[in-house]
Amino acid sequence: MNAMLAVLLGLGFIGFILWRGLVQARQTHDNLRRLADKLGLQVGATDSSLGVFLTSPRAQGLVDGRAMELYTFSKGSGKSRSTWCALRMRPALARDVEFDLSPQGLGSRVLGWFGVKEITLGQREFDEAFFVRTNEPALLTAALVAAIQAKMLAAQQAGVRGTFKLEKGELTYTEQGTFAADKLCAHFESAASVLRDLADVAEVVGRT
């Protein structure tokens, strides 16, 4: 009797895990589709795991004449594995330009301890909110005008706490989590507007 109960409990637990995974996968797919519609992107064919779970959802399209892509990826492995979401855009760059704008916090303080230098733009509220690194400090300072700084501050105050980064010709916004979370989808909707402005900034700096 005890053995039978143990088997039933085990099957029930496995069933719960499968059900929960299916619900989250479906929520992720549905939220991604709604977000893609708002951004003017199209959701591509979605793979499935074991014929049940929808995996690696992606959406792509052209926005302001630039390729844009919405997707998920993982960092780490095993128990340290974490899921992240990203929005990527490819500005037209005439030369190599890089920058990284991330929220001030423990991570930025650690970078400072290891000698990583940030630049300041002269606007106290922005400088206190963002840790800025670039290979073109003078040009980025000039191109990141007050209106864009204000938009980034407003987005951060609304919960957009990921990182904007231009590297190897690709401009991305990344944030930990999944598209199953409505709040994260709202963050990406706000981040998309900032990303489009930063693509303009990247192209201005890249032409100078």
Protein backbone atom coordinates (compact mmCIF):
# COMPACT_ATOMS: atom_id res chain seq x y z
CA MET A 1 0.00 0.00 0.00
CA ASN A 2 2.77 2.41 0.91
CA ALA A 3 4.62 1.52 -2.29
CA MET A 4 1.50 2.14 -4.38
CA LEU A 5 0.95 5.50 -2.66
CA ALA A 6 4.55 6.47 -3.33
CA VAL A 7 4.14 5.59 -7.02
CA LEU A 8 0.92 7.60 -7.29
CA LEU A 9 2.50 10.60 -5.56
CA GLY A 10 5.50 10.36 -7.86
CA LEU A 11 3.31 10.22 -10.97
CA GLY A 12 1.25 13.12 -9.67
CA PHE A 13 4.37 15.20 -9.09
CA ILE A 14 5.69 14.43 -12.59
CA GLY A 15 2.31 15.32 -14.05
CA PHE A 16 2.30 18.62 -12.17
CA ILE A 17 5.78 19.50 -13.46
CA LEU A 18 4.75 18.69 -17.05
CA TRP A 19 1.54 20.69 -16.71
CA ARG A 20 3.36 23.68 -15.22
CA GLY A 21 5.97 23.59 -17.98
CA LEU A 22 3.31 23.46 -20.66
CA VAL A 23 1.38 26.38 -19.16
CA GLN A 24 4.53 28.51 -18.90
CA ALA A 25 5.63 27.62 -22.43
CA ARG A 26 2.21 28.57 -23.81
CA GLN A 27 2.18 31.82 -21.81
CA THR A 28 5.66 32.64 -23.12
CA HIS A 29 4.58 32.05 -26.71
CA ASP A 30 1.35 34.04 -26.38
CA ASN A 31 3.07 36.99 -24.65
CA LEU A 32 5.86 37.01 -27.24
CA ARG A 33 3.29 37.11 -30.05
CA ARG A 34 1.47 40.07 -28.46
CA LEU A 35 4.75 41.91 -27.85
CA ALA A 36 5.92 41.20 -31.40
CA ASP A 37 2.67 42.65 -32.78
CA LYS A 38 3.23 45.86 -30.80
CA LEU A 39 6.81 46.14 -32.11
CA GLY A 40 5.94 45.31 -35.71
CA LEU A 41 7.71 41.94 -35.70
CA GLN A 42 6.65 38.51 -36.90
CA VAL A 43 6.93 35.37 -34.77
CA GLY A 44 8.81 32.61 -36.57
CA ALA A 45 8.22 28.87 -36.48
CA THR A 46 8.61 27.57 -32.92
CA ASP A 47 10.36 24.31 -32.11
CA SER A 48 8.90 21.91 -29.57
CA SER A 49 10.54 19.71 -26.97
CA LEU A 50 9.17 16.15 -26.70
CA GLY A 51 6.34 17.32 -28.93
CA VAL A 52 4.85 19.25 -26.00
CA PHE A 53 6.92 22.24 -24.84
CA LEU A 54 7.37 25.25 -27.10
CA THR A 55 11.01 26.29 -26.97
CA SER A 56 13.24 29.11 -28.22
CA PRO A 57 10.51 31.55 -29.26
CA ARG A 58 11.73 34.26 -31.65
CA ALA A 59 10.27 37.21 -33.52
CA GLN A 60 11.94 39.15 -36.32
CA GLY A 61 11.30 42.04 -38.67
CA LEU A 62 12.43 45.42 -39.96
CA VAL A 63 11.94 48.50 -37.79
CA ASP A 64 13.08 51.89 -39.10
CA GLY A 65 14.78 49.98 -41.91
CA ARG A 66 16.90 48.01 -39.43
CA ALA A 67 16.70 44.29 -38.65
CA MET A 68 15.24 43.67 -35.18
CA GLU A 69 14.94 40.37 -33.33
CA LEU A 70 13.28 39.33 -30.07
CA TYR A 71 14.50 36.08 -28.49
CA THR A 72 15.49 34.15 -25.36
CA PHE A 73 18.80 32.56 -24.37
CA SER A 74 20.40 30.85 -21.37
CA LYS A 75 23.44 31.51 -19.23
CA GLY A 76 25.28 28.98 -17.10
CA SER A 77 24.47 25.30 -16.70
CA GLY A 78 22.95 22.93 -14.18
CA LYS A 79 21.63 24.61 -11.05
CA SER A 80 23.23 27.92 -12.06
CA ARG A 81 21.41 27.99 -15.41
CA SER A 82 19.30 31.11 -15.91
CA THR A 83 16.98 32.32 -18.67
CA TRP A 84 17.35 35.74 -20.28
CA CYS A 85 15.42 37.69 -22.88
CA ALA A 86 16.91 39.97 -25.50
CA LEU A 87 15.96 42.50 -28.14
CA ARG A 88 18.55 42.95 -30.87
CA MET A 89 18.91 45.57 -33.59
CA ARG A 90 21.60 46.06 -36.24
CA PRO A 91 22.39 49.73 -36.89
CA ALA A 92 24.35 50.73 -39.99
CA LEU A 93 27.84 51.44 -38.70
CA ALA A 94 30.65 52.88 -40.81
CA ARG A 95 33.26 51.76 -38.27
CA ASP A 96 33.71 49.88 -35.01
CA VAL A 97 31.82 51.54 -32.17
CA GLU A 98 31.05 49.97 -28.80
CA PHE A 99 29.16 51.09 -25.71
CA ASP A 100 27.53 49.57 -22.66
CA LEU A 101 24.86 51.30 -20.56
CA SER A 102 23.87 49.31 -17.50
CA PRO A 103 22.15 50.23 -14.22
CA GLN A 104 24.36 51.40 -11.38
CA GLY A 105 24.48 48.79 -8.63
CA LEU A 106 26.57 46.03 -7.13
CA GLY A 107 27.72 44.83 -10.55
CA SER A 108 29.00 48.26 -11.55
CA ARG A 109 30.72 48.71 -8.19
CA VAL A 110 32.52 45.39 -8.67
CA LEU A 111 33.66 46.51 -12.12
CA GLY A 112 34.94 49.73 -10.56
CA TRP A 113 36.90 47.76 -7.96
CA PHE A 114 38.62 45.92 -10.81
CA GLY A 115 39.57 49.16 -12.51
CA VAL A 116 36.90 49.31 -15.18
CA LYS A 117 36.41 52.97 -16.03
CA GLU A 118 33.04 54.57 -16.65
CA ILE A 119 32.35 57.88 -18.33
CA THR A 120 30.03 60.57 -17.00
CA LEU A 121 27.85 62.76 -19.18
CA GLY A 122 27.50 65.69 -16.80
CA GLN A 123 23.84 65.14 -15.93
CA ARG A 124 23.87 64.09 -12.29
CA GLU A 125 20.65 62.06 -12.27
CA PHE A 126 21.67 60.10 -15.36
CA ASP A 127 25.23 59.53 -14.16
CA GLU A 128 23.92 58.18 -10.85
CA ALA A 129 21.52 55.84 -12.64
CA PHE A 130 23.72 54.40 -15.41
CA PHE A 131 27.21 52.93 -15.60
CA VAL A 132 28.45 53.94 -19.06
CA ARG A 133 31.40 52.46 -20.94
CA THR A 134 32.47 53.11 -24.53
CA ASN A 135 35.43 53.20 -26.88
CA GLU A 136 34.29 56.66 -28.06
CA PRO A 137 33.70 58.70 -24.89
CA ALA A 138 33.71 62.19 -26.42
CA LEU A 139 31.45 61.27 -29.34
CA LEU A 140 28.99 59.27 -27.24
CA THR A 141 28.75 62.09 -24.69
CA ALA A 142 27.85 64.50 -27.49
CA ALA A 143 25.39 62.13 -29.23
CA LEU A 144 23.54 60.94 -26.11
CA VAL A 145 21.46 64.10 -25.91
CA ALA A 146 19.26 65.18 -23.00
CA ALA A 147 16.04 63.87 -24.58
CA ILE A 148 17.45 60.34 -24.86
CA GLN A 149 18.86 60.50 -21.35
CA ALA A 150 15.42 61.54 -20.06
CA LYS A 151 13.75 58.65 -21.91
CA MET A 152 16.23 56.17 -20.46
CA LEU A 153 15.68 57.50 -16.94
CA ALA A 154 11.91 57.27 -17.36
CA ALA A 155 12.22 53.69 -18.63
CA GLN A 156 14.45 52.72 -15.70
CA GLN A 157 12.03 54.26 -13.21
CA ALA A 158 9.28 52.17 -14.85
CA GLY A 159 11.26 49.00 -14.13
CA VAL A 160 13.53 48.64 -17.17
CA ARG A 161 16.65 47.41 -15.36
CA GLY A 162 18.48 45.49 -18.07
CA THR A 163 21.57 46.44 -20.08
CA PHE A 164 21.81 48.27 -23.41
CA LYS A 165 24.93 47.22 -25.29
CA LEU A 166 26.49 47.83 -28.69
CA GLU A 167 29.15 45.27 -29.56
CA LYS A 168 30.40 43.84 -32.86
CA GLY A 169 27.79 45.78 -34.78
CA GLU A 170 24.84 44.49 -32.76
CA LEU A 171 22.81 46.65 -30.39
CA THR A 172 20.97 44.67 -27.70
CA TYR A 173 18.82 45.08 -24.63
CA THR A 174 18.99 42.08 -22.26
CA GLU A 175 17.11 41.33 -19.06
CA GLN A 176 16.89 38.19 -16.94
CA GLY A 177 13.55 36.38 -16.97
CA THR A 178 11.09 34.91 -19.45
CA PHE A 179 8.41 36.34 -21.70
CA ALA A 180 5.88 34.40 -19.61
CA ALA A 181 6.03 37.39 -17.21
CA ASP A 182 3.71 40.22 -18.25
CA LYS A 183 5.88 42.74 -16.40
CA LEU A 184 8.99 41.76 -18.37
CA CYS A 185 7.08 42.14 -21.65
CA ALA A 186 6.13 45.68 -20.59
CA HIS A 187 9.80 46.37 -19.90
CA PHE A 188 10.73 45.25 -23.41
CA GLU A 189 8.06 47.43 -24.98
CA SER A 190 9.63 50.46 -23.28
CA ALA A 191 13.18 49.27 -24.00
CA ALA A 192 12.39 48.96 -27.73
CA SER A 193 11.79 52.71 -27.98
CA VAL A 194 15.10 53.41 -26.21
CA LEU A 195 16.88 50.89 -28.44
CA ARG A 196 15.70 52.67 -31.57
CA ASP A 197 17.08 55.98 -30.25
CA LEU A 198 20.37 54.31 -29.34
CA ALA A 199 20.59 52.90 -32.86
CA ASP A 200 20.43 56.50 -34.12
CA VAL A 201 23.14 57.42 -31.61
CA ALA A 202 25.32 54.52 -32.77
CA GLU A 203 25.00 55.54 -36.40
CA VAL A 204 25.84 59.18 -35.62
CA VAL A 205 28.93 58.17 -33.66
CA GLY A 206 29.87 55.62 -36.33
CA ARG A 207 29.79 58.26 -39.07
CA THR A 208 31.80 60.86 -37.16
